[in-house]
Amino acid sequence: MKAVIDKKQVEKLYNEGFTDSEIARKLNCKKDTIKKCIQRNFGCLKSAHRVALTRRREIVKAVNYQANRYMGDSTFVKKNRSIYKTKLNGDIILNREVAPMVTWDTPRRLTNENKDRF
């Protein structure tokens, strides 16, 4: 049985600069299905897609910069230790049992910079 996807929705998301993986996740289908749909139907939109993808990535970068401008990840983790746990290698990771849902800008991991490298 073939999966039925909405080509208009794929085209809309592709024109907004979403990658095939992101589109597949949003439409709840396989990445290969989306990739083939784009190859067959929207090859002529490739240059517009690249422009939109670059624009979208720059926006995400700017938003992340603004979000981290006032308080960096390490400072946030130090101020909110109750929602984190420390692994054996020294990395500090978000404890999903304590904080199952957090905002998009909450740091998920703080890597131990002082651990031995072999």
PDB file of N, CA and C in Angstrom:
ATOM      1  N   MET A   1       0.843  -1.186   0.000  1.00  0.00           N
ATOM      2  CA  MET A   1       0.000   0.000   0.000  1.00  0.00           C
ATOM      3  C   MET A   1       0.887   1.247   0.000  1.00  0.00           C
ATOM      4  N   LYS A   2       0.675   2.133  -0.931  1.00  0.00           N
ATOM      5  CA  LYS A   2       1.465   3.348  -1.044  1.00  0.00           C
ATOM      6  C   LYS A   2       0.978   4.411  -0.067  1.00  0.00           C
ATOM      7  N   ALA A   3       1.932   5.168   0.423  1.00  0.00           N
ATOM      8  CA  ALA A   3       1.590   6.277   1.306  1.00  0.00           C
ATOM      9  C   ALA A   3       1.093   7.448   0.465  1.00  0.00           C
ATOM     10  N   VAL A   4       0.025   8.068   0.913  1.00  0.00           N
ATOM     11  CA  VAL A   4      -0.535   9.217   0.202  1.00  0.00           C
ATOM     12  C   VAL A   4      -0.076  10.475   0.933  1.00  0.00           C
ATOM     13  N   ILE A   5       0.577  11.356   0.182  1.00  0.00           N
ATOM     14  CA  ILE A   5       1.027  12.605   0.783  1.00  0.00           C
ATOM     15  C   ILE A   5       0.380  13.766   0.049  1.00  0.00           C
ATOM     16  N   ASP A   6       0.248  14.844   0.755  1.00  0.00           N
ATOM     17  CA  ASP A   6      -0.346  16.050   0.194  1.00  0.00           C
ATOM     18  C   ASP A   6       0.749  16.854  -0.509  1.00  0.00           C
ATOM     19  N   LYS A   7       0.755  16.835  -1.838  1.00  0.00           N
ATOM     20  CA  LYS A   7       1.800  17.510  -2.606  1.00  0.00           C
ATOM     21  C   LYS A   7       1.790  19.015  -2.383  1.00  0.00           C
ATOM     22  N   LYS A   8       0.614  19.578  -2.198  1.00  0.00           N
ATOM     23  CA  LYS A   8       0.520  21.029  -1.956  1.00  0.00           C
ATOM     24  C   LYS A   8       1.205  21.397  -0.643  1.00  0.00           C
ATOM     25  N   GLN A   9       1.013  20.553   0.368  1.00  0.00           N
ATOM     26  CA  GLN A   9       1.640  20.802   1.671  1.00  0.00           C
ATOM     27  C   GLN A   9       3.158  20.641   1.562  1.00  0.00           C
ATOM     28  N   VAL A  10       3.609  19.625   0.830  1.00  0.00           N
ATOM     29  CA  VAL A  10       5.047  19.421   0.613  1.00  0.00           C
ATOM     30  C   VAL A  10       5.625  20.627  -0.117  1.00  0.00           C
ATOM     31  N   GLU A  11       4.945  21.085  -1.156  1.00  0.00           N
ATOM     32  CA  GLU A  11       5.421  22.247  -1.915  1.00  0.00           C
ATOM     33  C   GLU A  11       5.501  23.491  -1.030  1.00  0.00           C
ATOM     34  N   LYS A  12       4.488  23.703  -0.209  1.00  0.00           N
ATOM     35  CA  LYS A  12       4.453  24.873   0.672  1.00  0.00           C
ATOM     36  C   LYS A  12       5.644  24.849   1.640  1.00  0.00           C
ATOM     37  N   LEU A  13       5.863  23.695   2.287  1.00  0.00           N
ATOM     38  CA  LEU A  13       6.958  23.576   3.249  1.00  0.00           C
ATOM     39  C   LEU A  13       8.317  23.667   2.550  1.00  0.00           C
ATOM     40  N   TYR A  14       8.420  23.095   1.371  1.00  0.00           N
ATOM     41  CA  TYR A  14       9.664  23.151   0.593  1.00  0.00           C
ATOM     42  C   TYR A  14       9.985  24.598   0.211  1.00  0.00           C
ATOM     43  N   ASN A  15       8.963  25.346  -0.183  1.00  0.00           N
ATOM     44  CA  ASN A  15       9.158  26.765  -0.530  1.00  0.00           C
ATOM     45  C   ASN A  15       9.486  27.618   0.682  1.00  0.00           C
ATOM     46  N   GLU A  16       9.095  27.163   1.881  1.00  0.00           N
ATOM     47  CA  GLU A  16       9.418  27.893   3.111  1.00  0.00           C
ATOM     48  C   GLU A  16      10.828  27.590   3.606  1.00  0.00           C
ATOM     49  N   GLY A  17      11.521  26.642   2.935  1.00  0.00           N
ATOM     50  CA  GLY A  17      12.907  26.361   3.276  1.00  0.00           C
ATOM     51  C   GLY A  17      13.118  25.191   4.204  1.00  0.00           C
ATOM     52  N   PHE A  18      12.117  24.345   4.378  1.00  0.00           N
ATOM     53  CA  PHE A  18      12.277  23.170   5.217  1.00  0.00           C
ATOM     54  C   PHE A  18      12.973  22.070   4.426  1.00  0.00           C
ATOM     55  N   THR A  19      13.820  21.285   5.093  1.00  0.00           N
ATOM     56  CA  THR A  19      14.512  20.176   4.440  1.00  0.00           C
ATOM     57  C   THR A  19      13.573  18.986   4.326  1.00  0.00           C
ATOM     58  N   ASP A  20      13.986  17.997   3.536  1.00  0.00           N
ATOM     59  CA  ASP A  20      13.137  16.819   3.370  1.00  0.00           C
ATOM     60  C   ASP A  20      12.915  16.087   4.689  1.00  0.00           C
ATOM     61  N   SER A  21      13.904  16.058   5.565  1.00  0.00           N
ATOM     62  CA  SER A  21      13.747  15.419   6.879  1.00  0.00           C
ATOM     63  C   SER A  21      12.718  16.152   7.733  1.00  0.00           C
ATOM     64  N   GLU A  22      12.789  17.472   7.723  1.00  0.00           N
ATOM     65  CA  GLU A  22      11.850  18.275   8.508  1.00  0.00           C
ATOM     66  C   GLU A  22      10.431  18.146   7.965  1.00  0.00           C
ATOM     67  N   ILE A  23      10.297  18.120   6.649  1.00  0.00           N
ATOM     68  CA  ILE A  23       8.972  17.963   6.046  1.00  0.00           C
ATOM     69  C   ILE A  23       8.396  16.597   6.408  1.00  0.00           C
ATOM     70  N   ALA A  24       9.232  15.558   6.328  1.00  0.00           N
ATOM     71  CA  ALA A  24       8.779  14.208   6.670  1.00  0.00           C
ATOM     72  C   ALA A  24       8.311  14.138   8.120  1.00  0.00           C
ATOM     73  N   ARG A  25       9.045  14.784   9.009  1.00  0.00           N
ATOM     74  CA  ARG A  25       8.659  14.793  10.425  1.00  0.00           C
ATOM     75  C   ARG A  25       7.331  15.524  10.621  1.00  0.00           C
ATOM     76  N   LYS A  26       7.162  16.657   9.939  1.00  0.00           N
ATOM     77  CA  LYS A  26       5.918  17.433  10.075  1.00  0.00           C
ATOM     78  C   LYS A  26       4.704  16.699   9.511  1.00  0.00           C
ATOM     79  N   LEU A  27       4.906  15.987   8.392  1.00  0.00           N
ATOM     80  CA  LEU A  27       3.787  15.299   7.734  1.00  0.00           C
ATOM     81  C   LEU A  27       3.658  13.841   8.170  1.00  0.00           C
ATOM     82  N   ASN A  28       4.541  13.424   9.075  1.00  0.00           N
ATOM     83  CA  ASN A  28       4.502  12.078   9.640  1.00  0.00           C
ATOM     84  C   ASN A  28       4.584  10.999   8.554  1.00  0.00           C
ATOM     85  N   CYS A  29       5.615  11.093   7.729  1.00  0.00           N
ATOM     86  CA  CYS A  29       5.854  10.074   6.707  1.00  0.00           C
ATOM     87  C   CYS A  29       7.359   9.884   6.539  1.00  0.00           C
ATOM     88  N   LYS A  30       7.744   8.983   5.650  1.00  0.00           N
ATOM     89  CA  LYS A  30       9.157   8.654   5.474  1.00  0.00           C
ATOM     90  C   LYS A  30       9.899   9.744   4.719  1.00  0.00           C
ATOM     91  N   LYS A  31      11.167   9.905   5.096  1.00  0.00           N
ATOM     92  CA  LYS A  31      12.028  10.908   4.456  1.00  0.00           C
ATOM     93  C   LYS A  31      12.202  10.594   2.975  1.00  0.00           C
ATOM     94  N   ASP A  32      12.368   9.319   2.650  1.00  0.00           N
ATOM     95  CA  ASP A  32      12.574   8.927   1.249  1.00  0.00           C
ATOM     96  C   ASP A  32      11.354   9.250   0.383  1.00  0.00           C
ATOM     97  N   THR A  33      10.167   9.133   0.955  1.00  0.00           N
ATOM     98  CA  THR A  33       8.935   9.455   0.234  1.00  0.00           C
ATOM     99  C   THR A  33       8.912  10.938  -0.125  1.00  0.00           C
ATOM    100  N   ILE A  34       9.249  11.773   0.841  1.00  0.00           N
ATOM    101  CA  ILE A  34       9.276  13.223   0.627  1.00  0.00           C
ATOM    102  C   ILE A  34      10.369  13.582  -0.381  1.00  0.00           C
ATOM    103  N   LYS A  35      11.517  12.954  -0.232  1.00  0.00           N
ATOM    104  CA  LYS A  35      12.630  13.230  -1.129  1.00  0.00           C
ATOM    105  C   LYS A  35      12.256  12.920  -2.581  1.00  0.00           C
ATOM    106  N   LYS A  36      11.606  11.784  -2.800  1.00  0.00           N
ATOM    107  CA  LYS A  36      11.193  11.380  -4.146  1.00  0.00           C
ATOM    108  C   LYS A  36      10.114  12.322  -4.685  1.00  0.00           C
ATOM    109  N   CYS A  37       9.186  12.737  -3.827  1.00  0.00           N
ATOM    110  CA  CYS A  37       8.133  13.674  -4.233  1.00  0.00           C
ATOM    111  C   CYS A  37       8.744  14.999  -4.682  1.00  0.00           C
ATOM    112  N   ILE A  38       9.743  15.474  -3.947  1.00  0.00           N
ATOM    113  CA  ILE A  38      10.414  16.725  -4.302  1.00  0.00           C
ATOM    114  C   ILE A  38      11.162  16.564  -5.618  1.00  0.00           C
ATOM    115  N   GLN A  39      11.863  15.447  -5.777  1.00  0.00           N
ATOM    116  CA  GLN A  39      12.605  15.208  -7.028  1.00  0.00           C
ATOM    117  C   GLN A  39      11.682  15.175  -8.233  1.00  0.00           C
ATOM    118  N   ARG A  40      10.543  14.516  -8.098  1.00  0.00           N
ATOM    119  CA  ARG A  40       9.633  14.344  -9.226  1.00  0.00           C
ATOM    120  C   ARG A  40       8.824  15.599  -9.556  1.00  0.00           C
ATOM    121  N   ASN A  41       8.446  16.345  -8.526  1.00  0.00           N
ATOM    122  CA  ASN A  41       7.486  17.423  -8.735  1.00  0.00           C
ATOM    123  C   ASN A  41       8.034  18.844  -8.599  1.00  0.00           C
ATOM    124  N   PHE A  42       9.094  19.025  -7.833  1.00  0.00           N
ATOM    125  CA  PHE A  42       9.504  20.390  -7.497  1.00  0.00           C
ATOM    126  C   PHE A  42      10.964  20.688  -7.811  1.00  0.00           C
ATOM    127  N   GLY A  43      11.512  20.037  -8.816  1.00  0.00           N
ATOM    128  CA  GLY A  43      12.895  20.289  -9.214  1.00  0.00           C
ATOM    129  C   GLY A  43      13.120  21.719  -9.666  1.00  0.00           C
ATOM    130  N   CYS A  44      12.098  22.320 -10.262  1.00  0.00           N
ATOM    131  CA  CYS A  44      12.217  23.692 -10.757  1.00  0.00           C
ATOM    132  C   CYS A  44      12.266  24.725  -9.621  1.00  0.00           C
ATOM    133  N   LEU A  45      11.910  24.313  -8.413  1.00  0.00           N
ATOM    134  CA  LEU A  45      11.885  25.229  -7.275  1.00  0.00           C
ATOM    135  C   LEU A  45      13.164  25.181  -6.440  1.00  0.00           C
ATOM    136  N   LYS A  46      14.177  24.472  -6.929  1.00  0.00           N
ATOM    137  CA  LYS A  46      15.388  24.237  -6.144  1.00  0.00           C
ATOM    138  C   LYS A  46      16.102  25.525  -5.737  1.00  0.00           C
ATOM    139  N   SER A  47      16.243  26.467  -6.654  1.00  0.00           N
ATOM    140  CA  SER A  47      16.956  27.707  -6.316  1.00  0.00           C
ATOM    141  C   SER A  47      16.167  28.536  -5.299  1.00  0.00           C
ATOM    142  N   ALA A  48      14.857  28.597  -5.459  1.00  0.00           N
ATOM    143  CA  ALA A  48      14.025  29.321  -4.479  1.00  0.00           C
ATOM    144  C   ALA A  48      14.096  28.642  -3.117  1.00  0.00           C
ATOM    145  N   HIS A  49      14.172  27.311  -3.127  1.00  0.00           N
ATOM    146  CA  HIS A  49      14.278  26.552  -1.872  1.00  0.00           C
ATOM    147  C   HIS A  49      15.587  26.881  -1.157  1.00  0.00           C
ATOM    148  N   ARG A  50      16.690  26.948  -1.913  1.00  0.00           N
ATOM    149  CA  ARG A  50      17.989  27.265  -1.301  1.00  0.00           C
ATOM    150  C   ARG A  50      17.976  28.640  -0.644  1.00  0.00           C
ATOM    151  N   VAL A  51      17.360  29.602  -1.308  1.00  0.00           N
ATOM    152  CA  VAL A  51      17.264  30.959  -0.746  1.00  0.00           C
ATOM    153  C   VAL A  51      16.443  30.934   0.547  1.00  0.00           C
ATOM    154  N   ALA A  52      15.296  30.259   0.511  1.00  0.00           N
ATOM    155  CA  ALA A  52      14.430  30.175   1.691  1.00  0.00           C
ATOM    156  C   ALA A  52      15.111  29.415   2.816  1.00  0.00           C
ATOM    157  N   LEU A  53      15.846  28.352   2.490  1.00  0.00           N
ATOM    158  CA  LEU A  53      16.566  27.563   3.499  1.00  0.00           C
ATOM    159  C   LEU A  53      17.626  28.414   4.184  1.00  0.00           C
ATOM    160  N   THR A  54      18.377  29.170   3.398  1.00  0.00           N
ATOM    161  CA  THR A  54      19.401  30.057   3.963  1.00  0.00           C
ATOM    162  C   THR A  54      18.764  31.113   4.851  1.00  0.00           C
ATOM    163  N   ARG A  55      17.667  31.708   4.383  1.00  0.00           N
ATOM    164  CA  ARG A  55      16.963  32.721   5.166  1.00  0.00           C
ATOM    165  C   ARG A  55      16.474  32.140   6.496  1.00  0.00           C
ATOM    166  N   ARG A  56      15.880  30.945   6.431  1.00  0.00           N
ATOM    167  CA  ARG A  56      15.360  30.294   7.631  1.00  0.00           C
ATOM    168  C   ARG A  56      16.476  29.981   8.634  1.00  0.00           C
ATOM    169  N   ARG A  57      17.606  29.495   8.134  1.00  0.00           N
ATOM    170  CA  ARG A  57      18.738  29.188   9.023  1.00  0.00           C
ATOM    171  C   ARG A  57      19.307  30.445   9.662  1.00  0.00           C
ATOM    172  N   GLU A  58      19.356  31.536   8.909  1.00  0.00           N
ATOM    173  CA  GLU A  58      19.853  32.795   9.458  1.00  0.00           C
ATOM    174  C   GLU A  58      18.909  33.330  10.543  1.00  0.00           C
ATOM    175  N   ILE A  59      17.628  33.162  10.337  1.00  0.00           N
ATOM    176  CA  ILE A  59      16.646  33.591  11.344  1.00  0.00           C
ATOM    177  C   ILE A  59      16.819  32.785  12.617  1.00  0.00           C
ATOM    178  N   VAL A  60      16.954  31.465  12.483  1.00  0.00           N
ATOM    179  CA  VAL A  60      17.145  30.601  13.656  1.00  0.00           C
ATOM    180  C   VAL A  60      18.430  30.977  14.385  1.00  0.00           C
ATOM    181  N   LYS A  61      19.483  31.261  13.626  1.00  0.00           N
ATOM    182  CA  LYS A  61      20.757  31.652  14.228  1.00  0.00           C
ATOM    183  C   LYS A  61      20.613  32.964  15.004  1.00  0.00           C
ATOM    184  N   ALA A  62      19.904  33.925  14.423  1.00  0.00           N
ATOM    185  CA  ALA A  62      19.707  35.222  15.082  1.00  0.00           C
ATOM    186  C   ALA A  62      18.869  35.089  16.348  1.00  0.00           C
ATOM    187  N   VAL A  63      17.823  34.268  16.276  1.00  0.00           N
ATOM    188  CA  VAL A  63      16.968  34.053  17.454  1.00  0.00           C
ATOM    189  C   VAL A  63      17.757  33.364  18.560  1.00  0.00           C
ATOM    190  N   ASN A  64      18.543  32.357  18.201  1.00  0.00           N
ATOM    191  CA  ASN A  64      19.357  31.669  19.207  1.00  0.00           C
ATOM    192  C   ASN A  64      20.384  32.601  19.828  1.00  0.00           C
ATOM    193  N   TYR A  65      20.956  33.465  19.021  1.00  0.00           N
ATOM    194  CA  TYR A  65      21.914  34.439  19.541  1.00  0.00           C
ATOM    195  C   TYR A  65      21.232  35.357  20.565  1.00  0.00           C
ATOM    196  N   GLN A  66      20.059  35.858  20.214  1.00  0.00           N
ATOM    197  CA  GLN A  66      19.331  36.747  21.126  1.00  0.00           C
ATOM    198  C   GLN A  66      18.925  36.023  22.405  1.00  0.00           C
ATOM    199  N   ALA A  67      18.519  34.749  22.266  1.00  0.00           N
ATOM    200  CA  ALA A  67      18.088  33.979  23.436  1.00  0.00           C
ATOM    201  C   ALA A  67      19.253  33.735  24.381  1.00  0.00           C
ATOM    202  N   ASN A  68      20.462  33.550  23.842  1.00  0.00           N
ATOM    203  CA  ASN A  68      21.628  33.251  24.677  1.00  0.00           C
ATOM    204  C   ASN A  68      22.428  34.493  25.057  1.00  0.00           C
ATOM    205  N   ARG A  69      22.005  35.632  24.582  1.00  0.00           N
ATOM    206  CA  ARG A  69      22.754  36.861  24.819  1.00  0.00           C
ATOM    207  C   ARG A  69      22.754  37.263  26.287  1.00  0.00           C
ATOM    208  N   TYR A  70      21.656  37.075  26.963  1.00  0.00           N
ATOM    209  CA  TYR A  70      21.524  37.528  28.341  1.00  0.00           C
ATOM    210  C   TYR A  70      22.014  36.499  29.349  1.00  0.00           C
ATOM    211  N   MET A  71      21.856  35.214  29.025  1.00  0.00           N
ATOM    212  CA  MET A  71      22.308  34.175  29.933  1.00  0.00           C
ATOM    213  C   MET A  71      22.777  32.986  29.088  1.00  0.00           C
ATOM    214  N   GLY A  72      24.025  32.657  29.217  1.00  0.00           N
ATOM    215  CA  GLY A  72      24.580  31.537  28.468  1.00  0.00           C
ATOM    216  C   GLY A  72      24.096  30.202  29.015  1.00  0.00           C
ATOM    217  N   ASP A  73      24.394  29.141  28.281  1.00  0.00           N
ATOM    218  CA  ASP A  73      23.957  27.803  28.686  1.00  0.00           C
ATOM    219  C   ASP A  73      24.531  27.384  30.029  1.00  0.00           C
ATOM    220  N   SER A  74      25.816  27.630  30.257  1.00  0.00           N
ATOM    221  CA  SER A  74      26.430  27.194  31.522  1.00  0.00           C
ATOM    222  C   SER A  74      25.827  27.943  32.713  1.00  0.00           C
ATOM    223  N   THR A  75      25.554  29.217  32.549  1.00  0.00           N
ATOM    224  CA  THR A  75      24.930  29.988  33.624  1.00  0.00           C
ATOM    225  C   THR A  75      23.523  29.483  33.895  1.00  0.00           C
ATOM    226  N   PHE A  76      22.775  29.189  32.841  1.00  0.00           N
ATOM    227  CA  PHE A  76      21.420  28.672  33.005  1.00  0.00           C
ATOM    228  C   PHE A  76      21.432  27.350  33.767  1.00  0.00           C
ATOM    229  N   VAL A  77      22.363  26.459  33.393  1.00  0.00           N
ATOM    230  CA  VAL A  77      22.449  25.158  34.059  1.00  0.00           C
ATOM    231  C   VAL A  77      22.811  25.340  35.529  1.00  0.00           C
ATOM    232  N   LYS A  78      23.739  26.230  35.828  1.00  0.00           N
ATOM    233  CA  LYS A  78      24.141  26.475  37.218  1.00  0.00           C
ATOM    234  C   LYS A  78      22.987  27.023  38.057  1.00  0.00           C
ATOM    235  N   LYS A  79      22.162  27.872  37.464  1.00  0.00           N
ATOM    236  CA  LYS A  79      21.032  28.467  38.191  1.00  0.00           C
ATOM    237  C   LYS A  79      19.840  27.525  38.318  1.00  0.00           C
ATOM    238  N   ASN A  80      19.781  26.492  37.470  1.00  0.00           N
ATOM    239  CA  ASN A  80      18.647  25.564  37.468  1.00  0.00           C
ATOM    240  C   ASN A  80      19.104  24.115  37.610  1.00  0.00           C
ATOM    241  N   ARG A  81      19.964  23.846  38.580  1.00  0.00           N
ATOM    242  CA  ARG A  81      20.553  22.514  38.748  1.00  0.00           C
ATOM    243  C   ARG A  81      19.521  21.431  39.023  1.00  0.00           C
ATOM    244  N   SER A  82      18.368  21.792  39.545  1.00  0.00           N
ATOM    245  CA  SER A  82      17.377  20.778  39.932  1.00  0.00           C
ATOM    246  C   SER A  82      16.791  20.022  38.746  1.00  0.00           C
ATOM    247  N   ILE A  83      16.875  20.565  37.536  1.00  0.00           N
ATOM    248  CA  ILE A  83      16.297  19.870  36.381  1.00  0.00           C
ATOM    249  C   ILE A  83      17.354  19.126  35.565  1.00  0.00           C
ATOM    250  N   TYR A  84      18.581  19.074  36.084  1.00  0.00           N
ATOM    251  CA  TYR A  84      19.673  18.411  35.376  1.00  0.00           C
ATOM    252  C   TYR A  84      20.248  17.280  36.211  1.00  0.00           C
ATOM    253  N   LYS A  85      20.898  16.339  35.530  1.00  0.00           N
ATOM    254  CA  LYS A  85      21.632  15.280  36.222  1.00  0.00           C
ATOM    255  C   LYS A  85      23.014  15.175  35.577  1.00  0.00           C
ATOM    256  N   THR A  86      23.983  14.671  36.355  1.00  0.00           N
ATOM    257  CA  THR A  86      25.351  14.567  35.884  1.00  0.00           C
ATOM    258  C   THR A  86      25.664  13.119  35.532  1.00  0.00           C
ATOM    259  N   LYS A  87      26.207  12.920  34.332  1.00  0.00           N
ATOM    260  CA  LYS A  87      26.601  11.582  33.901  1.00  0.00           C
ATOM    261  C   LYS A  87      27.983  11.252  34.464  1.00  0.00           C
ATOM    262  N   LEU A  88      28.394   9.999  34.354  1.00  0.00           N
ATOM    263  CA  LEU A  88      29.678   9.557  34.883  1.00  0.00           C
ATOM    264  C   LEU A  88      30.864  10.271  34.235  1.00  0.00           C
ATOM    265  N   ASN A  89      30.739  10.635  32.970  1.00  0.00           N
ATOM    266  CA  ASN A  89      31.834  11.320  32.280  1.00  0.00           C
ATOM    267  C   ASN A  89      31.887  12.818  32.584  1.00  0.00           C
ATOM    268  N   GLY A  90      30.970  13.308  33.410  1.00  0.00           N
ATOM    269  CA  GLY A  90      30.971  14.706  33.807  1.00  0.00           C
ATOM    270  C   GLY A  90      30.025  15.596  33.017  1.00  0.00           C
ATOM    271  N   ASP A  91      29.436  15.075  31.951  1.00  0.00           N
ATOM    272  CA  ASP A  91      28.471  15.856  31.179  1.00  0.00           C
ATOM    273  C   ASP A  91      27.201  16.060  32.001  1.00  0.00           C
ATOM    274  N   ILE A  92      26.614  17.223  31.875  1.00  0.00           N
ATOM    275  CA  ILE A  92      25.373  17.537  32.576  1.00  0.00           C
ATOM    276  C   ILE A  92      24.261  17.511  31.542  1.00  0.00           C
ATOM    277  N   ILE A  93      23.242  16.673  31.779  1.00  0.00           N
ATOM    278  CA  ILE A  93      22.156  16.530  30.817  1.00  0.00           C
ATOM    279  C   ILE A  93      20.821  16.809  31.488  1.00  0.00           C
ATOM    280  N   LEU A  94      19.852  17.179  30.674  1.00  0.00           N
ATOM    281  CA  LEU A  94      18.506  17.472  31.153  1.00  0.00           C
ATOM    282  C   LEU A  94      17.858  16.197  31.674  1.00  0.00           C
ATOM    283  N   ASN A  95      17.283  16.247  32.859  1.00  0.00           N
ATOM    284  CA  ASN A  95      16.619  15.096  33.459  1.00  0.00           C
ATOM    285  C   ASN A  95      15.150  15.124  33.038  1.00  0.00           C
ATOM    286  N   ARG A  96      14.781  14.252  32.114  1.00  0.00           N
ATOM    287  CA  ARG A  96      13.419  14.218  31.571  1.00  0.00           C
ATOM    288  C   ARG A  96      12.389  13.764  32.589  1.00  0.00           C
ATOM    289  N   GLU A  97      12.808  13.085  33.634  1.00  0.00           N
ATOM    290  CA  GLU A  97      11.864  12.678  34.684  1.00  0.00           C
ATOM    291  C   GLU A  97      11.423  13.882  35.507  1.00  0.00           C
ATOM    292  N   VAL A  98      12.340  14.791  35.742  1.00  0.00           N
ATOM    293  CA  VAL A  98      12.035  15.989  36.536  1.00  0.00           C
ATOM    294  C   VAL A  98      11.381  17.063  35.665  1.00  0.00           C
ATOM    295  N   ALA A  99      11.882  17.217  34.440  1.00  0.00           N
ATOM    296  CA  ALA A  99      11.377  18.247  33.538  1.00  0.00           C
ATOM    297  C   ALA A  99      11.030  17.602  32.194  1.00  0.00           C
ATOM    298  N   PRO A 100       9.856  16.972  32.092  1.00  0.00           N
ATOM    299  CA  PRO A 100       9.502  16.290  30.845  1.00  0.00           C
ATOM    300  C   PRO A 100       9.281  17.245  29.665  1.00  0.00           C
ATOM    301  N   MET A 101       8.843  18.459  29.937  1.00  0.00           N
ATOM    302  CA  MET A 101       8.639  19.450  28.878  1.00  0.00           C
ATOM    303  C   MET A 101       9.343  20.739  29.265  1.00  0.00           C
ATOM    304  N   VAL A 102      10.161  21.242  28.327  1.00  0.00           N
ATOM    305  CA  VAL A 102      10.865  22.502  28.546  1.00  0.00           C
ATOM    306  C   VAL A 102      10.756  23.339  27.284  1.00  0.00           C
ATOM    307  N   THR A 103      11.108  24.598  27.391  1.00  0.00           N
ATOM    308  CA  THR A 103      11.042  25.478  26.223  1.00  0.00           C
ATOM    309  C   THR A 103      12.144  25.126  25.240  1.00  0.00           C
ATOM    310  N   TRP A 104      12.011  25.626  24.021  1.00  0.00           N
ATOM    311  CA  TRP A 104      12.957  25.294  22.953  1.00  0.00           C
ATOM    312  C   TRP A 104      14.360  25.798  23.229  1.00  0.00           C
ATOM    313  N   ASP A 105      14.506  26.856  24.016  1.00  0.00           N
ATOM    314  CA  ASP A 105      15.825  27.429  24.252  1.00  0.00           C
ATOM    315  C   ASP A 105      16.490  26.928  25.530  1.00  0.00           C
ATOM    316  N   THR A 106      15.887  25.961  26.211  1.00  0.00           N
ATOM    317  CA  THR A 106      16.492  25.366  27.396  1.00  0.00           C
ATOM    318  C   THR A 106      17.622  24.438  26.954  1.00  0.00           C
ATOM    319  N   PRO A 107      18.829  24.627  27.512  1.00  0.00           N
ATOM    320  CA  PRO A 107      19.941  23.757  27.127  1.00  0.00           C
ATOM    321  C   PRO A 107      19.650  22.303  27.503  1.00  0.00           C
ATOM    322  N   ARG A 108      19.899  21.391  26.584  1.00  0.00           N
ATOM    323  CA  ARG A 108      19.654  19.962  26.827  1.00  0.00           C
ATOM    324  C   ARG A 108      20.887  19.271  27.405  1.00  0.00           C
ATOM    325  N   ARG A 109      22.066  19.790  27.073  1.00  0.00           N
ATOM    326  CA  ARG A 109      23.314  19.151  27.496  1.00  0.00           C
ATOM    327  C   ARG A 109      24.384  20.224  27.680  1.00  0.00           C
ATOM    328  N   LEU A 110      25.213  20.021  28.704  1.00  0.00           N
ATOM    329  CA  LEU A 110      26.389  20.854  28.916  1.00  0.00           C
ATOM    330  C   LEU A 110      27.570  19.898  29.007  1.00  0.00           C
ATOM    331  N   THR A 111      28.437  19.932  28.010  1.00  0.00           N
ATOM    332  CA  THR A 111      29.559  18.992  27.929  1.00  0.00           C
ATOM    333  C   THR A 111      30.669  19.397  28.885  1.00  0.00           C
ATOM    334  N   ASN A 112      31.219  18.398  29.553  1.00  0.00           N
ATOM    335  CA  ASN A 112      32.327  18.620  30.467  1.00  0.00           C
ATOM    336  C   ASN A 112      33.571  18.960  29.660  1.00  0.00           C
ATOM    337  N   GLU A 113      34.098  20.163  29.842  1.00  0.00           N
ATOM    338  CA  GLU A 113      35.246  20.610  29.077  1.00  0.00           C
ATOM    339  C   GLU A 113      36.549  20.054  29.632  1.00  0.00           C
ATOM    340  N   ASN A 114      36.554  19.586  30.876  1.00  0.00           N
ATOM    341  CA  ASN A 114      37.772  19.146  31.546  1.00  0.00           C
ATOM    342  C   ASN A 114      37.974  17.640  31.529  1.00  0.00           C
ATOM    343  N   LYS A 115      37.143  16.898  30.845  1.00  0.00           N
ATOM    344  CA  LYS A 115      37.297  15.440  30.854  1.00  0.00           C
ATOM    345  C   LYS A 115      38.514  15.040  30.027  1.00  0.00           C
ATOM    346  N   ASP A 116      39.109  13.919  30.404  1.00  0.00           N
ATOM    347  CA  ASP A 116      40.297  13.427  29.708  1.00  0.00           C
ATOM    348  C   ASP A 116      39.943  12.958  28.320  1.00  0.00           C
ATOM    349  N   ARG A 117      40.786  13.294  27.390  1.00  0.00           N
ATOM    350  CA  ARG A 117      40.592  12.847  26.006  1.00  0.00           C
ATOM    351  C   ARG A 117      41.692  11.832  25.695  1.00  0.00           C
ATOM    352  N   PHE A 118      41.279  10.647  25.298  1.00  0.00           N
ATOM    353  CA  PHE A 118      42.253   9.575  25.009  1.00  0.00           C
ATOM    354  C   PHE A 118      42.403   9.385  23.538  1.00  0.00           C
TER     355      PHE A 118
END
